[in-house]
Amino acid sequence: MRWTAVLWCVGVFALSGCRSYEIERPTTPAGTACMVPCDAQALRCSTDARLEAESSHAMCLAGQERLQDRCSGYASDSQRRRCESANGGAACLPPSPDTSACTQRWERCALACGGRMIER
């Protein structure tokens, strides 16, 4: 019985992830005016997310540089890599801002202003 419930939940979750939607902006003058703060907030939010990602990347690069300095005394590449690995060395990936919260907030705001959700 319990496995049936688990499989049912997994199936529902998998199917729900296949749907996509789009938010259509309101078309009335009042709705358009209502969207001005929504758009401004979304811009601020995405800018903050980008700056946070860039800052995190810069801190990673600085840490990586300190680590390379700490391990630079080793003669061979394998010893240097071992030193870096032992001291938490990892590659710094390019900044990738997470703007999902910004998008969700904008969508709620747009819907509150009279926008429509269109399933795709």
PDB file of N, CA and C in Angstrom:
ATOM      1  N   MET A   1       0.832  -1.199   0.000  1.00  0.00           N
ATOM      2  CA  MET A   1       0.000   0.000   0.000  1.00  0.00           C
ATOM      3  C   MET A   1       0.874   1.260   0.000  1.00  0.00           C
ATOM      4  N   ARG A   2       1.903   1.248   0.853  1.00  0.00           N
ATOM      5  CA  ARG A   2       2.740   2.439   0.941  1.00  0.00           C
ATOM      6  C   ARG A   2       3.489   2.675  -0.367  1.00  0.00           C
ATOM      7  N   TRP A   3       3.992   1.614  -1.038  1.00  0.00           N
ATOM      8  CA  TRP A   3       4.693   1.767  -2.303  1.00  0.00           C
ATOM      9  C   TRP A   3       3.784   2.323  -3.387  1.00  0.00           C
ATOM     10  N   THR A   4       2.515   1.933  -3.356  1.00  0.00           N
ATOM     11  CA  THR A   4       1.565   2.457  -4.329  1.00  0.00           C
ATOM     12  C   THR A   4       1.422   3.959  -4.169  1.00  0.00           C
ATOM     13  N   ALA A   5       1.326   4.411  -2.923  1.00  0.00           N
ATOM     14  CA  ALA A   5       1.201   5.850  -2.654  1.00  0.00           C
ATOM     15  C   ALA A   5       2.455   6.597  -3.087  1.00  0.00           C
ATOM     16  N   VAL A   6       3.603   6.004  -2.823  1.00  0.00           N
ATOM     17  CA  VAL A   6       4.864   6.640  -3.205  1.00  0.00           C
ATOM     18  C   VAL A   6       4.962   6.748  -4.724  1.00  0.00           C
ATOM     19  N   LEU A   7       4.663   5.646  -5.422  1.00  0.00           N
ATOM     20  CA  LEU A   7       4.719   5.664  -6.887  1.00  0.00           C
ATOM     21  C   LEU A   7       3.716   6.645  -7.473  1.00  0.00           C
ATOM     22  N   TRP A   8       2.546   6.743  -6.883  1.00  0.00           N
ATOM     23  CA  TRP A   8       1.543   7.697  -7.348  1.00  0.00           C
ATOM     24  C   TRP A   8       2.071   9.117  -7.202  1.00  0.00           C
ATOM     25  N   CYS A   9       2.665   9.436  -6.042  1.00  0.00           N
ATOM     26  CA  CYS A   9       3.208  10.783  -5.813  1.00  0.00           C
ATOM     27  C   CYS A   9       4.332  11.101  -6.790  1.00  0.00           C
ATOM     28  N   VAL A  10       5.208  10.130  -7.029  1.00  0.00           N
ATOM     29  CA  VAL A  10       6.304  10.342  -7.974  1.00  0.00           C
ATOM     30  C   VAL A  10       5.748  10.585  -9.373  1.00  0.00           C
ATOM     31  N   GLY A  11       4.736   9.823  -9.765  1.00  0.00           N
ATOM     32  CA  GLY A  11       4.120   9.996 -11.085  1.00  0.00           C
ATOM     33  C   GLY A  11       3.486  11.362 -11.243  1.00  0.00           C
ATOM     34  N   VAL A  12       2.760  11.802 -10.215  1.00  0.00           N
ATOM     35  CA  VAL A  12       2.119  13.124 -10.268  1.00  0.00           C
ATOM     36  C   VAL A  12       3.179  14.209 -10.348  1.00  0.00           C
ATOM     37  N   PHE A  13       4.234  14.074  -9.566  1.00  0.00           N
ATOM     38  CA  PHE A  13       5.306  15.067  -9.578  1.00  0.00           C
ATOM     39  C   PHE A  13       5.975  15.122 -10.953  1.00  0.00           C
ATOM     40  N   ALA A  14       6.238  13.972 -11.532  1.00  0.00           N
ATOM     41  CA  ALA A  14       6.890  13.921 -12.849  1.00  0.00           C
ATOM     42  C   ALA A  14       6.010  14.556 -13.915  1.00  0.00           C
ATOM     43  N   LEU A  15       4.732  14.278 -13.877  1.00  0.00           N
ATOM     44  CA  LEU A  15       3.825  14.843 -14.882  1.00  0.00           C
ATOM     45  C   LEU A  15       3.670  16.347 -14.711  1.00  0.00           C
ATOM     46  N   SER A  16       3.637  16.813 -13.470  1.00  0.00           N
ATOM     47  CA  SER A  16       3.448  18.243 -13.259  1.00  0.00           C
ATOM     48  C   SER A  16       4.642  19.043 -13.749  1.00  0.00           C
ATOM     49  N   GLY A  17       5.822  18.436 -13.777  1.00  0.00           N
ATOM     50  CA  GLY A  17       7.007  19.131 -14.244  1.00  0.00           C
ATOM     51  C   GLY A  17       7.041  19.309 -15.746  1.00  0.00           C
ATOM     52  N   CYS A  18       6.171  18.643 -16.478  1.00  0.00           N
ATOM     53  CA  CYS A  18       6.174  18.711 -17.938  1.00  0.00           C
ATOM     54  C   CYS A  18       5.401  19.911 -18.467  1.00  0.00           C
ATOM     55  N   ARG A  19       4.609  20.506 -17.651  1.00  0.00           N
ATOM     56  CA  ARG A  19       3.812  21.638 -18.104  1.00  0.00           C
ATOM     57  C   ARG A  19       4.628  22.916 -18.053  1.00  0.00           C
ATOM     58  N   SER A  20       4.331  23.797 -18.973  1.00  0.00           N
ATOM     59  CA  SER A  20       4.967  25.108 -18.934  1.00  0.00           C
ATOM     60  C   SER A  20       3.886  26.159 -19.143  1.00  0.00           C
ATOM     61  N   TYR A  21       4.192  27.333 -18.724  1.00  0.00           N
ATOM     62  CA  TYR A  21       3.230  28.417 -18.842  1.00  0.00           C
ATOM     63  C   TYR A  21       3.969  29.717 -19.130  1.00  0.00           C
ATOM     64  N   GLU A  22       3.191  30.678 -19.508  1.00  0.00           N
ATOM     65  CA  GLU A  22       3.721  32.005 -19.785  1.00  0.00           C
ATOM     66  C   GLU A  22       2.762  33.007 -19.153  1.00  0.00           C
ATOM     67  N   ILE A  23       3.306  34.078 -18.622  1.00  0.00           N
ATOM     68  CA  ILE A  23       2.469  35.130 -18.054  1.00  0.00           C
ATOM     69  C   ILE A  23       2.313  36.223 -19.105  1.00  0.00           C
ATOM     70  N   GLU A  24       1.076  36.513 -19.416  1.00  0.00           N
ATOM     71  CA  GLU A  24       0.769  37.569 -20.375  1.00  0.00           C
ATOM     72  C   GLU A  24       0.532  38.859 -19.594  1.00  0.00           C
ATOM     73  N   ARG A  25       1.189  39.906 -19.993  1.00  0.00           N
ATOM     74  CA  ARG A  25       1.056  41.207 -19.301  1.00  0.00           C
ATOM     75  C   ARG A  25      -0.371  41.724 -19.436  1.00  0.00           C
ATOM     76  N   PRO A  26      -0.814  42.493 -18.450  1.00  0.00           N
ATOM     77  CA  PRO A  26      -2.143  43.098 -18.563  1.00  0.00           C
ATOM     78  C   PRO A  26      -2.160  44.114 -19.712  1.00  0.00           C
ATOM     79  N   THR A  27      -3.309  44.260 -20.331  1.00  0.00           N
ATOM     80  CA  THR A  27      -3.410  45.149 -21.496  1.00  0.00           C
ATOM     81  C   THR A  27      -4.182  46.427 -21.202  1.00  0.00           C
ATOM     82  N   THR A  28      -4.841  46.496 -20.059  1.00  0.00           N
ATOM     83  CA  THR A  28      -5.611  47.702 -19.736  1.00  0.00           C
ATOM     84  C   THR A  28      -4.663  48.815 -19.297  1.00  0.00           C
ATOM     85  N   PRO A  29      -5.094  50.072 -19.418  1.00  0.00           N
ATOM     86  CA  PRO A  29      -4.242  51.175 -18.944  1.00  0.00           C
ATOM     87  C   PRO A  29      -3.908  51.048 -17.454  1.00  0.00           C
ATOM     88  N   ALA A  30      -4.889  50.647 -16.647  1.00  0.00           N
ATOM     89  CA  ALA A  30      -4.628  50.481 -15.209  1.00  0.00           C
ATOM     90  C   ALA A  30      -3.633  49.346 -14.966  1.00  0.00           C
ATOM     91  N   GLY A  31      -3.765  48.256 -15.725  1.00  0.00           N
ATOM     92  CA  GLY A  31      -2.852  47.129 -15.588  1.00  0.00           C
ATOM     93  C   GLY A  31      -1.443  47.499 -16.016  1.00  0.00           C
ATOM     94  N   THR A  32      -1.341  48.260 -17.088  1.00  0.00           N
ATOM     95  CA  THR A  32      -0.034  48.706 -17.565  1.00  0.00           C
ATOM     96  C   THR A  32       0.641  49.592 -16.527  1.00  0.00           C
ATOM     97  N   ALA A  33      -0.125  50.504 -15.931  1.00  0.00           N
ATOM     98  CA  ALA A  33       0.421  51.377 -14.881  1.00  0.00           C
ATOM     99  C   ALA A  33       0.819  50.558 -13.654  1.00  0.00           C
ATOM    100  N   CYS A  34       0.024  49.557 -13.351  1.00  0.00           N
ATOM    101  CA  CYS A  34       0.299  48.680 -12.207  1.00  0.00           C
ATOM    102  C   CYS A  34       1.618  47.920 -12.389  1.00  0.00           C
ATOM    103  N   MET A  35       1.978  47.643 -13.627  1.00  0.00           N
ATOM    104  CA  MET A  35       3.177  46.859 -13.924  1.00  0.00           C
ATOM    105  C   MET A  35       4.478  47.638 -13.758  1.00  0.00           C
ATOM    106  N   VAL A  36       4.409  48.964 -13.712  1.00  0.00           N
ATOM    107  CA  VAL A  36       5.632  49.772 -13.612  1.00  0.00           C
ATOM    108  C   VAL A  36       6.463  49.365 -12.393  1.00  0.00           C
ATOM    109  N   PRO A  37       5.875  49.311 -11.186  1.00  0.00           N
ATOM    110  CA  PRO A  37       6.700  48.876 -10.047  1.00  0.00           C
ATOM    111  C   PRO A  37       7.122  47.400 -10.141  1.00  0.00           C
ATOM    112  N   CYS A  38       6.299  46.573 -10.762  1.00  0.00           N
ATOM    113  CA  CYS A  38       6.667  45.154 -10.942  1.00  0.00           C
ATOM    114  C   CYS A  38       7.946  45.053 -11.775  1.00  0.00           C
ATOM    115  N   ASP A  39       7.980  45.783 -12.883  1.00  0.00           N
ATOM    116  CA  ASP A  39       9.137  45.757 -13.769  1.00  0.00           C
ATOM    117  C   ASP A  39      10.371  46.339 -13.088  1.00  0.00           C
ATOM    118  N   ALA A  40      10.193  47.429 -12.342  1.00  0.00           N
ATOM    119  CA  ALA A  40      11.320  48.047 -11.644  1.00  0.00           C
ATOM    120  C   ALA A  40      11.877  47.098 -10.588  1.00  0.00           C
ATOM    121  N   GLN A  41      10.997  46.423  -9.858  1.00  0.00           N
ATOM    122  CA  GLN A  41      11.431  45.478  -8.836  1.00  0.00           C
ATOM    123  C   GLN A  41      12.156  44.292  -9.479  1.00  0.00           C
ATOM    124  N   ALA A  42      11.659  43.816 -10.612  1.00  0.00           N
ATOM    125  CA  ALA A  42      12.301  42.690 -11.306  1.00  0.00           C
ATOM    126  C   ALA A  42      13.695  43.080 -11.786  1.00  0.00           C
ATOM    127  N   LEU A  43      13.838  44.290 -12.293  1.00  0.00           N
ATOM    128  CA  LEU A  43      15.148  44.761 -12.748  1.00  0.00           C
ATOM    129  C   LEU A  43      16.126  44.849 -11.577  1.00  0.00           C
ATOM    130  N   ARG A  44      15.659  45.427 -10.462  1.00  0.00           N
ATOM    131  CA  ARG A  44      16.514  45.514  -9.267  1.00  0.00           C
ATOM    132  C   ARG A  44      16.920  44.123  -8.789  1.00  0.00           C
ATOM    133  N   CYS A  45      15.956  43.237  -8.741  1.00  0.00           N
ATOM    134  CA  CYS A  45      16.199  41.877  -8.256  1.00  0.00           C
ATOM    135  C   CYS A  45      17.214  41.152  -9.132  1.00  0.00           C
ATOM    136  N   SER A  46      17.039  41.216 -10.450  1.00  0.00           N
ATOM    137  CA  SER A  46      17.975  40.510 -11.347  1.00  0.00           C
ATOM    138  C   SER A  46      19.362  41.152 -11.304  1.00  0.00           C
ATOM    139  N   THR A  47      19.425  42.472 -11.143  1.00  0.00           N
ATOM    140  CA  THR A  47      20.715  43.151 -11.012  1.00  0.00           C
ATOM    141  C   THR A  47      21.415  42.705  -9.731  1.00  0.00           C
ATOM    142  N   ASP A  48      20.662  42.649  -8.627  1.00  0.00           N
ATOM    143  CA  ASP A  48      21.235  42.187  -7.358  1.00  0.00           C
ATOM    144  C   ASP A  48      21.733  40.749  -7.473  1.00  0.00           C
ATOM    145  N   ALA A  49      20.966  39.889  -8.133  1.00  0.00           N
ATOM    146  CA  ALA A  49      21.370  38.486  -8.300  1.00  0.00           C
ATOM    147  C   ALA A  49      22.647  38.395  -9.134  1.00  0.00           C
ATOM    148  N   ARG A  50      22.739  39.204 -10.181  1.00  0.00           N
ATOM    149  CA  ARG A  50      23.936  39.209 -11.024  1.00  0.00           C
ATOM    150  C   ARG A  50      25.149  39.696 -10.227  1.00  0.00           C
ATOM    151  N   LEU A  51      24.968  40.780  -9.456  1.00  0.00           N
ATOM    152  CA  LEU A  51      26.078  41.314  -8.660  1.00  0.00           C
ATOM    153  C   LEU A  51      26.519  40.313  -7.588  1.00  0.00           C
ATOM    154  N   GLU A  52      25.569  39.618  -6.995  1.00  0.00           N
ATOM    155  CA  GLU A  52      25.896  38.611  -5.985  1.00  0.00           C
ATOM    156  C   GLU A  52      26.680  37.459  -6.617  1.00  0.00           C
ATOM    157  N   ALA A  53      26.266  37.023  -7.796  1.00  0.00           N
ATOM    158  CA  ALA A  53      26.983  35.937  -8.484  1.00  0.00           C
ATOM    159  C   ALA A  53      28.393  36.373  -8.862  1.00  0.00           C
ATOM    160  N   GLU A  54      28.531  37.594  -9.346  1.00  0.00           N
ATOM    161  CA  GLU A  54      29.856  38.102  -9.719  1.00  0.00           C
ATOM    162  C   GLU A  54      30.755  38.230  -8.498  1.00  0.00           C
ATOM    163  N   SER A  55      30.188  38.689  -7.376  1.00  0.00           N
ATOM    164  CA  SER A  55      30.957  38.822  -6.140  1.00  0.00           C
ATOM    165  C   SER A  55      31.410  37.457  -5.632  1.00  0.00           C
ATOM    166  N   SER A  56      30.518  36.498  -5.686  1.00  0.00           N
ATOM    167  CA  SER A  56      30.856  35.139  -5.252  1.00  0.00           C
ATOM    168  C   SER A  56      31.967  34.561  -6.128  1.00  0.00           C
ATOM    169  N   HIS A  57      31.876  34.803  -7.419  1.00  0.00           N
ATOM    170  CA  HIS A  57      32.905  34.330  -8.358  1.00  0.00           C
ATOM    171  C   HIS A  57      34.247  34.992  -8.061  1.00  0.00           C
ATOM    172  N   ALA A  58      34.232  36.292  -7.798  1.00  0.00           N
ATOM    173  CA  ALA A  58      35.464  37.020  -7.496  1.00  0.00           C
ATOM    174  C   ALA A  58      36.102  36.487  -6.203  1.00  0.00           C
ATOM    175  N   MET A  59      35.279  36.189  -5.201  1.00  0.00           N
ATOM    176  CA  MET A  59      35.807  35.636  -3.953  1.00  0.00           C
ATOM    177  C   MET A  59      36.411  34.255  -4.194  1.00  0.00           C
ATOM    178  N   CYS A  60      35.773  33.473  -5.042  1.00  0.00           N
ATOM    179  CA  CYS A  60      36.303  32.149  -5.381  1.00  0.00           C
ATOM    180  C   CYS A  60      37.661  32.279  -6.067  1.00  0.00           C
ATOM    181  N   LEU A  61      37.753  33.191  -7.020  1.00  0.00           N
ATOM    182  CA  LEU A  61      39.023  33.389  -7.728  1.00  0.00           C
ATOM    183  C   LEU A  61      40.124  33.854  -6.780  1.00  0.00           C
ATOM    184  N   ALA A  62      39.782  34.744  -5.854  1.00  0.00           N
ATOM    185  CA  ALA A  62      40.772  35.224  -4.884  1.00  0.00           C
ATOM    186  C   ALA A  62      41.229  34.070  -3.990  1.00  0.00           C
ATOM    187  N   GLY A  63      40.288  33.228  -3.573  1.00  0.00           N
ATOM    188  CA  GLY A  63      40.652  32.073  -2.758  1.00  0.00           C
ATOM    189  C   GLY A  63      41.526  31.101  -3.526  1.00  0.00           C
ATOM    190  N   GLN A  64      41.216  30.934  -4.783  1.00  0.00           N
ATOM    191  CA  GLN A  64      42.002  30.050  -5.634  1.00  0.00           C
ATOM    192  C   GLN A  64      43.429  30.588  -5.789  1.00  0.00           C
ATOM    193  N   GLU A  65      43.549  31.895  -5.924  1.00  0.00           N
ATOM    194  CA  GLU A  65      44.864  32.524  -6.052  1.00  0.00           C
ATOM    195  C   GLU A  65      45.685  32.330  -4.775  1.00  0.00           C
ATOM    196  N   ARG A  66      45.021  32.514  -3.602  1.00  0.00           N
ATOM    197  CA  ARG A  66      45.720  32.299  -2.325  1.00  0.00           C
ATOM    198  C   ARG A  66      46.180  30.848  -2.208  1.00  0.00           C
ATOM    199  N   LEU A  67      45.338  29.937  -2.644  1.00  0.00           N
ATOM    200  CA  LEU A  67      45.666  28.517  -2.585  1.00  0.00           C
ATOM    201  C   LEU A  67      46.848  28.195  -3.498  1.00  0.00           C
ATOM    202  N   GLN A  68      46.861  28.766  -4.681  1.00  0.00           N
ATOM    203  CA  GLN A  68      47.985  28.532  -5.600  1.00  0.00           C
ATOM    204  C   GLN A  68      49.285  29.081  -5.015  1.00  0.00           C
ATOM    205  N   ASP A  69      49.191  30.245  -4.349  1.00  0.00           N
ATOM    206  CA  ASP A  69      50.388  30.811  -3.701  1.00  0.00           C
ATOM    207  C   ASP A  69      50.883  29.876  -2.599  1.00  0.00           C
ATOM    208  N   ARG A  70      49.945  29.327  -1.820  1.00  0.00           N
ATOM    209  CA  ARG A  70      50.293  28.446  -0.708  1.00  0.00           C
ATOM    210  C   ARG A  70      50.970  27.171  -1.223  1.00  0.00           C
ATOM    211  N   CYS A  71      50.537  26.688  -2.374  1.00  0.00           N
ATOM    212  CA  CYS A  71      51.047  25.416  -2.893  1.00  0.00           C
ATOM    213  C   CYS A  71      52.114  25.588  -3.965  1.00  0.00           C
ATOM    214  N   SER A  72      52.557  26.804  -4.202  1.00  0.00           N
ATOM    215  CA  SER A  72      53.499  27.050  -5.304  1.00  0.00           C
ATOM    216  C   SER A  72      54.907  26.535  -5.014  1.00  0.00           C
ATOM    217  N   GLY A  73      55.218  26.212  -3.774  1.00  0.00           N
ATOM    218  CA  GLY A  73      56.566  25.754  -3.426  1.00  0.00           C
ATOM    219  C   GLY A  73      56.862  24.331  -3.844  1.00  0.00           C
ATOM    220  N   TYR A  74      55.867  23.600  -4.300  1.00  0.00           N
ATOM    221  CA  TYR A  74      56.100  22.212  -4.708  1.00  0.00           C
ATOM    222  C   TYR A  74      56.700  22.173  -6.107  1.00  0.00           C
ATOM    223  N   ALA A  75      57.666  21.268  -6.284  1.00  0.00           N
ATOM    224  CA  ALA A  75      58.407  21.195  -7.542  1.00  0.00           C
ATOM    225  C   ALA A  75      57.600  20.593  -8.677  1.00  0.00           C
ATOM    226  N   SER A  76      56.847  19.550  -8.380  1.00  0.00           N
ATOM    227  CA  SER A  76      56.136  18.877  -9.471  1.00  0.00           C
ATOM    228  C   SER A  76      54.662  19.289  -9.511  1.00  0.00           C
ATOM    229  N   ASP A  77      54.089  19.171 -10.703  1.00  0.00           N
ATOM    230  CA  ASP A  77      52.664  19.493 -10.875  1.00  0.00           C
ATOM    231  C   ASP A  77      51.787  18.576 -10.039  1.00  0.00           C
ATOM    232  N   SER A  78      52.148  17.304  -9.955  1.00  0.00           N
ATOM    233  CA  SER A  78      51.319  16.359  -9.194  1.00  0.00           C
ATOM    234  C   SER A  78      51.328  16.712  -7.710  1.00  0.00           C
ATOM    235  N   GLN A  79      52.469  17.117  -7.163  1.00  0.00           N
ATOM    236  CA  GLN A  79      52.521  17.527  -5.755  1.00  0.00           C
ATOM    237  C   GLN A  79      51.714  18.803  -5.533  1.00  0.00           C
ATOM    238  N   ARG A  80      51.806  19.730  -6.478  1.00  0.00           N
ATOM    239  CA  ARG A  80      51.061  20.989  -6.377  1.00  0.00           C
ATOM    240  C   ARG A  80      49.555  20.715  -6.416  1.00  0.00           C
ATOM    241  N   ARG A  81      49.125  19.837  -7.332  1.00  0.00           N
ATOM    242  CA  ARG A  81      47.698  19.485  -7.412  1.00  0.00           C
ATOM    243  C   ARG A  81      47.230  18.789  -6.138  1.00  0.00           C
ATOM    244  N   ARG A  82      48.088  17.911  -5.596  1.00  0.00           N
ATOM    245  CA  ARG A  82      47.752  17.223  -4.354  1.00  0.00           C
ATOM    246  C   ARG A  82      47.587  18.233  -3.210  1.00  0.00           C
ATOM    247  N   CYS A  83      48.486  19.207  -3.153  1.00  0.00           N
ATOM    248  CA  CYS A  83      48.402  20.258  -2.137  1.00  0.00           C
ATOM    249  C   CYS A  83      47.111  21.051  -2.289  1.00  0.00           C
ATOM    250  N   GLU A  84      46.809  21.445  -3.524  1.00  0.00           N
ATOM    251  CA  GLU A  84      45.581  22.220  -3.772  1.00  0.00           C
ATOM    252  C   GLU A  84      44.345  21.410  -3.435  1.00  0.00           C
ATOM    253  N   SER A  85      44.342  20.148  -3.789  1.00  0.00           N
ATOM    254  CA  SER A  85      43.209  19.274  -3.499  1.00  0.00           C
ATOM    255  C   SER A  85      43.037  19.089  -1.999  1.00  0.00           C
ATOM    256  N   ALA A  86      44.145  18.907  -1.281  1.00  0.00           N
ATOM    257  CA  ALA A  86      44.092  18.709   0.171  1.00  0.00           C
ATOM    258  C   ALA A  86      43.623  19.965   0.900  1.00  0.00           C
ATOM    259  N   ASN A  87      43.812  21.113   0.269  1.00  0.00           N
ATOM    260  CA  ASN A  87      43.428  22.379   0.899  1.00  0.00           C
ATOM    261  C   ASN A  87      42.115  22.945   0.361  1.00  0.00           C
ATOM    262  N   GLY A  88      41.331  22.081  -0.259  1.00  0.00           N
ATOM    263  CA  GLY A  88      39.998  22.508  -0.700  1.00  0.00           C
ATOM    264  C   GLY A  88      39.962  23.204  -2.039  1.00  0.00           C
ATOM    265  N   GLY A  89      40.960  22.987  -2.857  1.00  0.00           N
ATOM    266  CA  GLY A  89      40.991  23.627  -4.167  1.00  0.00           C
ATOM    267  C   GLY A  89      39.897  23.094  -5.085  1.00  0.00           C
ATOM    268  N   ALA A  90      39.193  23.981  -5.703  1.00  0.00           N
ATOM    269  CA  ALA A  90      38.143  23.598  -6.649  1.00  0.00           C
ATOM    270  C   ALA A  90      38.082  24.649  -7.750  1.00  0.00           C
ATOM    271  N   ALA A  91      37.576  24.238  -8.873  1.00  0.00           N
ATOM    272  CA  ALA A  91      37.453  25.172  -9.993  1.00  0.00           C
ATOM    273  C   ALA A  91      36.377  26.215  -9.691  1.00  0.00           C
ATOM    274  N   CYS A  92      36.620  27.416 -10.105  1.00  0.00           N
ATOM    275  CA  CYS A  92      35.625  28.490  -9.971  1.00  0.00           C
ATOM    276  C   CYS A  92      34.825  28.543 -11.271  1.00  0.00           C
ATOM    277  N   LEU A  93      33.583  28.205 -11.185  1.00  0.00           N
ATOM    278  CA  LEU A  93      32.721  28.234 -12.367  1.00  0.00           C
ATOM    279  C   LEU A  93      32.328  29.671 -12.680  1.00  0.00           C
ATOM    280  N   PRO A  94      32.042  29.966 -13.938  1.00  0.00           N
ATOM    281  CA  PRO A  94      31.606  31.326 -14.290  1.00  0.00           C
ATOM    282  C   PRO A  94      30.343  31.701 -13.513  1.00  0.00           C
ATOM    283  N   PRO A  95      30.179  32.979 -13.224  1.00  0.00           N
ATOM    284  CA  PRO A  95      29.012  33.397 -12.454  1.00  0.00           C
ATOM    285  C   PRO A  95      27.719  33.058 -13.185  1.00  0.00           C
ATOM    286  N   SER A  96      26.784  32.531 -12.437  1.00  0.00           N
ATOM    287  CA  SER A  96      25.483  32.175 -12.991  1.00  0.00           C
ATOM    288  C   SER A  96      24.412  32.643 -12.015  1.00  0.00           C
ATOM    289  N   PRO A  97      23.891  33.839 -12.223  1.00  0.00           N
ATOM    290  CA  PRO A  97      22.915  34.374 -11.268  1.00  0.00           C
ATOM    291  C   PRO A  97      21.625  33.558 -11.244  1.00  0.00           C
ATOM    292  N   ASP A  98      21.113  33.346 -10.047  1.00  0.00           N
ATOM    293  CA  ASP A  98      19.840  32.653  -9.878  1.00  0.00           C
ATOM    294  C   ASP A  98      18.738  33.707  -9.788  1.00  0.00           C
ATOM    295  N   THR A  99      18.007  33.861 -10.863  1.00  0.00           N
ATOM    296  CA  THR A  99      16.941  34.873 -10.906  1.00  0.00           C
ATOM    297  C   THR A  99      15.554  34.239 -10.807  1.00  0.00           C
ATOM    298  N   SER A 100      15.490  32.972 -10.396  1.00  0.00           N
ATOM    299  CA  SER A 100      14.186  32.304 -10.331  1.00  0.00           C
ATOM    300  C   SER A 100      13.243  32.998  -9.349  1.00  0.00           C
ATOM    301  N   ALA A 101      13.757  33.450  -8.211  1.00  0.00           N
ATOM    302  CA  ALA A 101      12.903  34.157  -7.244  1.00  0.00           C
ATOM    303  C   ALA A 101      12.408  35.475  -7.842  1.00  0.00           C
ATOM    304  N   CYS A 102      13.252  36.135  -8.627  1.00  0.00           N
ATOM    305  CA  CYS A 102      12.858  37.394  -9.275  1.00  0.00           C
ATOM    306  C   CYS A 102      11.713  37.141 -10.249  1.00  0.00           C
ATOM    307  N   THR A 103      11.855  36.081 -11.026  1.00  0.00           N
ATOM    308  CA  THR A 103      10.826  35.736 -12.015  1.00  0.00           C
ATOM    309  C   THR A 103       9.508  35.411 -11.327  1.00  0.00           C
ATOM    310  N   GLN A 104       9.583  34.613 -10.269  1.00  0.00           N
ATOM    311  CA  GLN A 104       8.357  34.246  -9.551  1.00  0.00           C
ATOM    312  C   GLN A 104       7.669  35.477  -8.958  1.00  0.00           C
ATOM    313  N   ARG A 105       8.456  36.380  -8.398  1.00  0.00           N
ATOM    314  CA  ARG A 105       7.891  37.601  -7.809  1.00  0.00           C
ATOM    315  C   ARG A 105       7.235  38.459  -8.900  1.00  0.00           C
ATOM    316  N   TRP A 106       7.909  38.588 -10.060  1.00  0.00           N
ATOM    317  CA  TRP A 106       7.352  39.370 -11.164  1.00  0.00           C
ATOM    318  C   TRP A 106       6.055  38.738 -11.662  1.00  0.00           C
ATOM    319  N   GLU A 107       6.034  37.420 -11.770  1.00  0.00           N
ATOM    320  CA  GLU A 107       4.832  36.733 -12.241  1.00  0.00           C
ATOM    321  C   GLU A 107       3.653  36.968 -11.292  1.00  0.00           C
ATOM    322  N   ARG A 108       3.894  36.851  -9.979  1.00  0.00           N
ATOM    323  CA  ARG A 108       2.813  37.115  -9.010  1.00  0.00           C
ATOM    324  C   ARG A 108       2.319  38.552  -9.128  1.00  0.00           C
ATOM    325  N   CYS A 109       3.250  39.479  -9.294  1.00  0.00           N
ATOM    326  CA  CYS A 109       2.902  40.890  -9.423  1.00  0.00           C
ATOM    327  C   CYS A 109       2.082  41.115 -10.694  1.00  0.00           C
ATOM    328  N   ALA A 110       2.516  40.521 -11.800  1.00  0.00           N
ATOM    329  CA  ALA A 110       1.800  40.675 -13.071  1.00  0.00           C
ATOM    330  C   ALA A 110       0.385  40.115 -12.970  1.00  0.00           C
ATOM    331  N   LEU A 111       0.252  38.967 -12.328  1.00  0.00           N
ATOM    332  CA  LEU A 111      -1.079  38.382 -12.168  1.00  0.00           C
ATOM    333  C   LEU A 111      -1.958  39.270 -11.285  1.00  0.00           C
ATOM    334  N   ALA A 112      -1.372  39.847 -10.255  1.00  0.00           N
ATOM    335  CA  ALA A 112      -2.130  40.751  -9.369  1.00  0.00           C
ATOM    336  C   ALA A 112      -2.558  42.020 -10.112  1.00  0.00           C
ATOM    337  N   CYS A 113      -1.813  42.381 -11.141  1.00  0.00           N
ATOM    338  CA  CYS A 113      -2.144  43.573 -11.931  1.00  0.00           C
ATOM    339  C   CYS A 113      -3.148  43.279 -13.052  1.00  0.00           C
ATOM    340  N   GLY A 114      -3.556  42.036 -13.180  1.00  0.00           N
ATOM    341  CA  GLY A 114      -4.519  41.681 -14.206  1.00  0.00           C
ATOM    342  C   GLY A 114      -3.950  40.886 -15.364  1.00  0.00           C
ATOM    343  N   GLY A 115      -2.711  40.430 -15.231  1.00  0.00           N
ATOM    344  CA  GLY A 115      -2.116  39.592 -16.269  1.00  0.00           C
ATOM    345  C   GLY A 115      -2.779  38.229 -16.274  1.00  0.00           C
ATOM    346  N   ARG A 116      -2.460  37.455 -17.301  1.00  0.00           N
ATOM    347  CA  ARG A 116      -3.075  36.123 -17.426  1.00  0.00           C
ATOM    348  C   ARG A 116      -1.983  35.061 -17.531  1.00  0.00           C
ATOM    349  N   MET A 117      -2.278  33.882 -16.962  1.00  0.00           N
ATOM    350  CA  MET A 117      -1.380  32.744 -17.094  1.00  0.00           C
ATOM    351  C   MET A 117      -1.880  31.896 -18.251  1.00  0.00           C
ATOM    352  N   ILE A 118      -0.986  31.659 -19.216  1.00  0.00           N
ATOM    353  CA  ILE A 118      -1.337  30.873 -20.387  1.00  0.00           C
ATOM    354  C   ILE A 118      -0.497  29.604 -20.376  1.00  0.00           C
ATOM    355  N   GLU A 119      -1.149  28.455 -20.348  1.00  0.00           N
ATOM    356  CA  GLU A 119      -0.433  27.187 -20.351  1.00  0.00           C
ATOM    357  C   GLU A 119       0.065  26.890 -21.759  1.00  0.00           C
ATOM    358  N   ARG A 120       1.270  26.414 -21.856  1.00  0.00           N
ATOM    359  CA  ARG A 120       1.868  26.083 -23.163  1.00  0.00           C
ATOM    360  C   ARG A 120       1.970  24.590 -23.322  1.00  0.00           C
TER     361      ARG A 120
END
